[in-house]
């Protein structure tokens, strides 16, 4: 390969990197602590999408809010509250769900690496919530702060 061809290839690859949408990638690097408050645009794309869906599905009062006008606080949901949620979602099938190998694997990942993004408690994050239920630990969640 000629040097000019190599330079062209390198420039093309660099251009791809400059135009790459890092939003999804950054979801894996989302740093949060309990009590942190975020603007909508500071949240990972997956969490922003969950919030948009939640606001659309939850009824006319909530639907009137633009997600960019709201704040989002990371809170810790107690294990007892988490367990109640999981029982209300899965009922008698909760034990089977907790014995599912994919949930056990996720629980192991969470124990080793921590949680990548908080759940939207009561709405989104069922697999992560099951993993925390299996671990018998409280779970970080995003709380929407309305004006």
Foldseek 3Di string as FASTA:
>chain_A
DDPVVVVVVVVVVVVCVVPDDCLQVCLQVLDDDAFDKAALVSHRPVVNVQVLVCQVPVDDVSVVDDSRQWMKGKHWAALVNLVVLLCVVQPPCLVVLLPDPVLCVVLVCCVVPNDSDFAAPSRDDNSVSSSCNNVSGITIHIDIGDD
